[in-house]
Amino acid sequence: MDHEFVILKTDTLAKDLPLVDGVVVEDDFSPVGEVPETAAGKSGTFSATLAAGHYAIICNILGHVSQGMVIDFTVN
């Protein structure tokens, strides 16, 4: 199963991000970066400097957000 790792700067909790056809419209928020769709057993990386605020990490492949593949974190 493929996954991706998307970081969005948003005041909305990850579990409450609105879905359109099973995915989050990333441009409706402030995308910080992502590891694009990656196959099982493979890895990917990216780096970013994050400003203070709330962020959501999501796997934005069809159906994955609704399956709970999300988490929130805060940078102080």
N, C-alpha and C. Protein backbone atom coordinates (compact mmCIF):
# COMPACT_ATOMS: atom_id res chain seq x y z
N MET A 1 0.85 -1.18 0.00
CA MET A 1 0.00 0.00 0.00
C MET A 1 0.89 1.23 0.00
N ASP A 2 0.63 2.16 -0.89
CA ASP A 2 1.38 3.41 -0.96
C ASP A 2 0.89 4.38 0.10
N HIS A 3 1.78 5.29 0.49
CA HIS A 3 1.44 6.36 1.43
C HIS A 3 2.17 7.62 0.98
N GLU A 4 1.73 8.76 1.51
CA GLU A 4 2.47 10.01 1.36
C GLU A 4 2.40 10.75 2.67
N PHE A 5 3.27 11.73 2.85
CA PHE A 5 3.43 12.45 4.11
C PHE A 5 3.34 13.93 3.76
N VAL A 6 2.21 14.56 4.09
CA VAL A 6 1.98 15.97 3.76
C VAL A 6 1.86 16.76 5.05
N ILE A 7 2.59 17.87 5.15
CA ILE A 7 2.47 18.76 6.31
C ILE A 7 1.75 20.02 5.87
N LEU A 8 0.67 20.34 6.58
CA LEU A 8 -0.11 21.55 6.33
C LEU A 8 -0.06 22.45 7.56
N LYS A 9 0.17 23.75 7.37
CA LYS A 9 0.04 24.71 8.47
C LYS A 9 -1.42 25.16 8.47
N THR A 10 -2.11 24.89 9.57
CA THR A 10 -3.54 25.15 9.64
C THR A 10 -3.98 25.25 11.09
N ASP A 11 -5.03 26.00 11.34
CA ASP A 11 -5.63 26.03 12.67
C ASP A 11 -6.66 24.92 12.85
N THR A 12 -6.96 24.20 11.79
CA THR A 12 -7.95 23.12 11.83
C THR A 12 -7.29 21.83 12.28
N LEU A 13 -7.93 21.12 13.21
CA LEU A 13 -7.41 19.82 13.62
C LEU A 13 -7.41 18.87 12.43
N ALA A 14 -6.43 18.02 12.37
CA ALA A 14 -6.29 17.10 11.24
C ALA A 14 -7.55 16.28 11.02
N LYS A 15 -8.17 15.81 12.09
CA LYS A 15 -9.38 14.97 11.96
C LYS A 15 -10.57 15.76 11.42
N ASP A 16 -10.49 17.10 11.47
CA ASP A 16 -11.59 17.94 11.01
C ASP A 16 -11.34 18.57 9.64
N LEU A 17 -10.25 18.25 8.99
CA LEU A 17 -9.98 18.82 7.67
C LEU A 17 -11.05 18.35 6.70
N PRO A 18 -11.62 19.27 5.93
CA PRO A 18 -12.70 18.88 5.00
C PRO A 18 -12.15 18.04 3.85
N LEU A 19 -12.95 17.07 3.45
CA LEU A 19 -12.59 16.19 2.34
C LEU A 19 -13.43 16.50 1.11
N VAL A 20 -12.81 16.43 -0.05
CA VAL A 20 -13.49 16.54 -1.33
C VAL A 20 -13.12 15.28 -2.11
N ASP A 21 -14.12 14.47 -2.39
CA ASP A 21 -13.88 13.20 -3.09
C ASP A 21 -12.82 12.35 -2.39
N GLY A 22 -12.83 12.37 -1.04
CA GLY A 22 -11.98 11.48 -0.26
C GLY A 22 -10.58 11.98 0.04
N VAL A 23 -10.26 13.20 -0.39
CA VAL A 23 -8.94 13.77 -0.10
C VAL A 23 -9.08 15.22 0.36
N VAL A 24 -8.05 15.73 1.04
CA VAL A 24 -8.00 17.13 1.44
C VAL A 24 -7.48 17.94 0.26
N VAL A 25 -8.13 19.07 -0.03
CA VAL A 25 -7.63 19.98 -1.07
C VAL A 25 -6.50 20.78 -0.42
N GLU A 26 -5.28 20.33 -0.66
CA GLU A 26 -4.12 20.89 0.04
C GLU A 26 -3.97 22.39 -0.17
N ASP A 27 -4.30 22.90 -1.34
CA ASP A 27 -4.14 24.33 -1.62
C ASP A 27 -5.11 25.20 -0.83
N ASP A 28 -6.12 24.59 -0.18
CA ASP A 28 -7.02 25.35 0.69
C ASP A 28 -6.34 25.70 2.00
N PHE A 29 -5.18 25.13 2.26
CA PHE A 29 -4.43 25.36 3.49
C PHE A 29 -3.04 25.88 3.11
N SER A 30 -2.09 25.76 4.00
CA SER A 30 -0.73 26.22 3.70
C SER A 30 0.20 25.01 3.70
N PRO A 31 0.36 24.36 2.55
CA PRO A 31 1.27 23.21 2.51
C PRO A 31 2.70 23.64 2.79
N VAL A 32 3.37 22.90 3.66
CA VAL A 32 4.75 23.20 4.02
C VAL A 32 5.71 22.32 3.24
N GLY A 33 5.31 21.11 2.99
CA GLY A 33 6.15 20.17 2.26
C GLY A 33 5.54 18.79 2.30
N GLU A 34 6.17 17.89 1.57
CA GLU A 34 5.65 16.53 1.56
C GLU A 34 6.69 15.54 1.05
N VAL A 35 6.49 14.31 1.44
CA VAL A 35 7.15 13.18 0.80
C VAL A 35 6.09 12.61 -0.13
N PRO A 36 6.32 12.64 -1.44
CA PRO A 36 5.29 12.19 -2.37
C PRO A 36 4.97 10.71 -2.20
N GLU A 37 3.94 10.29 -2.89
CA GLU A 37 3.47 8.91 -2.81
C GLU A 37 4.66 7.95 -2.91
N THR A 38 4.74 7.08 -1.89
CA THR A 38 5.88 6.17 -1.76
C THR A 38 5.37 4.75 -1.58
N ALA A 39 5.95 3.82 -2.28
CA ALA A 39 5.53 2.42 -2.22
C ALA A 39 5.96 1.79 -0.90
N ALA A 40 5.23 0.76 -0.49
CA ALA A 40 5.57 0.01 0.71
C ALA A 40 7.02 -0.48 0.62
N GLY A 41 7.73 -0.35 1.74
CA GLY A 41 9.12 -0.79 1.79
C GLY A 41 10.12 0.24 1.30
N LYS A 42 9.64 1.34 0.75
CA LYS A 42 10.52 2.42 0.28
C LYS A 42 10.49 3.56 1.29
N SER A 43 11.37 4.53 1.14
CA SER A 43 11.39 5.67 2.05
C SER A 43 11.61 6.95 1.26
N GLY A 44 11.35 8.06 1.91
CA GLY A 44 11.56 9.37 1.32
C GLY A 44 11.85 10.37 2.41
N THR A 45 12.41 11.50 2.06
CA THR A 45 12.72 12.53 3.04
C THR A 45 12.45 13.91 2.45
N PHE A 46 12.31 14.88 3.34
CA PHE A 46 12.33 16.29 2.98
C PHE A 46 12.68 17.04 4.25
N SER A 47 13.08 18.28 4.12
CA SER A 47 13.35 19.09 5.30
C SER A 47 12.66 20.43 5.13
N ALA A 48 12.33 21.03 6.26
CA ALA A 48 11.66 22.33 6.26
C ALA A 48 11.96 23.03 7.57
N THR A 49 11.98 24.34 7.53
CA THR A 49 12.05 25.16 8.73
C THR A 49 10.63 25.61 9.02
N LEU A 50 10.13 25.26 10.20
CA LEU A 50 8.73 25.53 10.53
C LEU A 50 8.60 26.71 11.48
N ALA A 51 7.70 27.63 11.14
CA ALA A 51 7.38 28.75 12.02
C ALA A 51 6.48 28.24 13.14
N ALA A 52 6.38 29.02 14.20
CA ALA A 52 5.48 28.66 15.30
C ALA A 52 4.06 28.53 14.77
N GLY A 53 3.33 27.57 15.32
CA GLY A 53 1.94 27.40 14.93
C GLY A 53 1.51 25.95 14.96
N HIS A 54 0.27 25.72 14.55
CA HIS A 54 -0.32 24.38 14.51
C HIS A 54 -0.15 23.80 13.11
N TYR A 55 0.16 22.51 13.07
CA TYR A 55 0.35 21.80 11.81
C TYR A 55 -0.41 20.48 11.84
N ALA A 56 -0.77 20.01 10.66
CA ALA A 56 -1.38 18.69 10.51
C ALA A 56 -0.52 17.89 9.54
N ILE A 57 -0.26 16.64 9.90
CA ILE A 57 0.39 15.71 8.99
C ILE A 57 -0.68 14.76 8.51
N ILE A 58 -0.78 14.59 7.20
CA ILE A 58 -1.80 13.71 6.64
C ILE A 58 -1.19 12.81 5.57
N CYS A 59 -1.81 11.66 5.38
CA CYS A 59 -1.56 10.83 4.21
C CYS A 59 -2.74 11.11 3.28
N ASN A 60 -2.50 11.90 2.24
CA ASN A 60 -3.59 12.41 1.42
C ASN A 60 -3.88 11.54 0.19
N ILE A 61 -3.67 10.25 0.33
CA ILE A 61 -4.08 9.30 -0.70
C ILE A 61 -5.55 8.97 -0.46
N LEU A 62 -6.30 8.79 -1.52
CA LEU A 62 -7.74 8.55 -1.44
C LEU A 62 -8.10 7.59 -0.30
N GLY A 63 -8.92 8.10 0.62
CA GLY A 63 -9.45 7.30 1.72
C GLY A 63 -8.58 7.22 2.96
N HIS A 64 -7.31 7.62 2.87
CA HIS A 64 -6.42 7.46 4.01
C HIS A 64 -6.72 8.44 5.14
N VAL A 65 -7.09 9.68 4.83
CA VAL A 65 -7.44 10.64 5.88
C VAL A 65 -8.65 10.13 6.66
N SER A 66 -9.67 9.66 5.97
CA SER A 66 -10.87 9.17 6.66
C SER A 66 -10.60 7.90 7.45
N GLN A 67 -9.50 7.20 7.15
CA GLN A 67 -9.11 6.03 7.92
C GLN A 67 -8.25 6.41 9.13
N GLY A 68 -8.02 7.71 9.33
CA GLY A 68 -7.30 8.18 10.50
C GLY A 68 -5.80 8.33 10.33
N MET A 69 -5.32 8.36 9.12
CA MET A 69 -3.88 8.51 8.88
C MET A 69 -3.51 9.99 8.91
N VAL A 70 -3.69 10.58 10.10
CA VAL A 70 -3.45 12.00 10.35
C VAL A 70 -2.91 12.18 11.76
N ILE A 71 -2.23 13.29 11.99
CA ILE A 71 -1.79 13.65 13.34
C ILE A 71 -1.55 15.16 13.36
N ASP A 72 -1.72 15.75 14.53
CA ASP A 72 -1.49 17.18 14.74
C ASP A 72 -0.21 17.37 15.53
N PHE A 73 0.44 18.52 15.33
CA PHE A 73 1.54 18.91 16.22
C PHE A 73 1.64 20.43 16.22
N THR A 74 2.28 20.95 17.26
CA THR A 74 2.44 22.40 17.43
C THR A 74 3.92 22.73 17.55
N VAL A 75 4.34 23.77 16.87
CA VAL A 75 5.69 24.31 17.00
C VAL A 75 5.58 25.56 17.85
N ASN A 76 6.36 25.61 18.91
CA ASN A 76 6.35 26.78 19.81
C ASN A 76 7.50 27.71 19.49
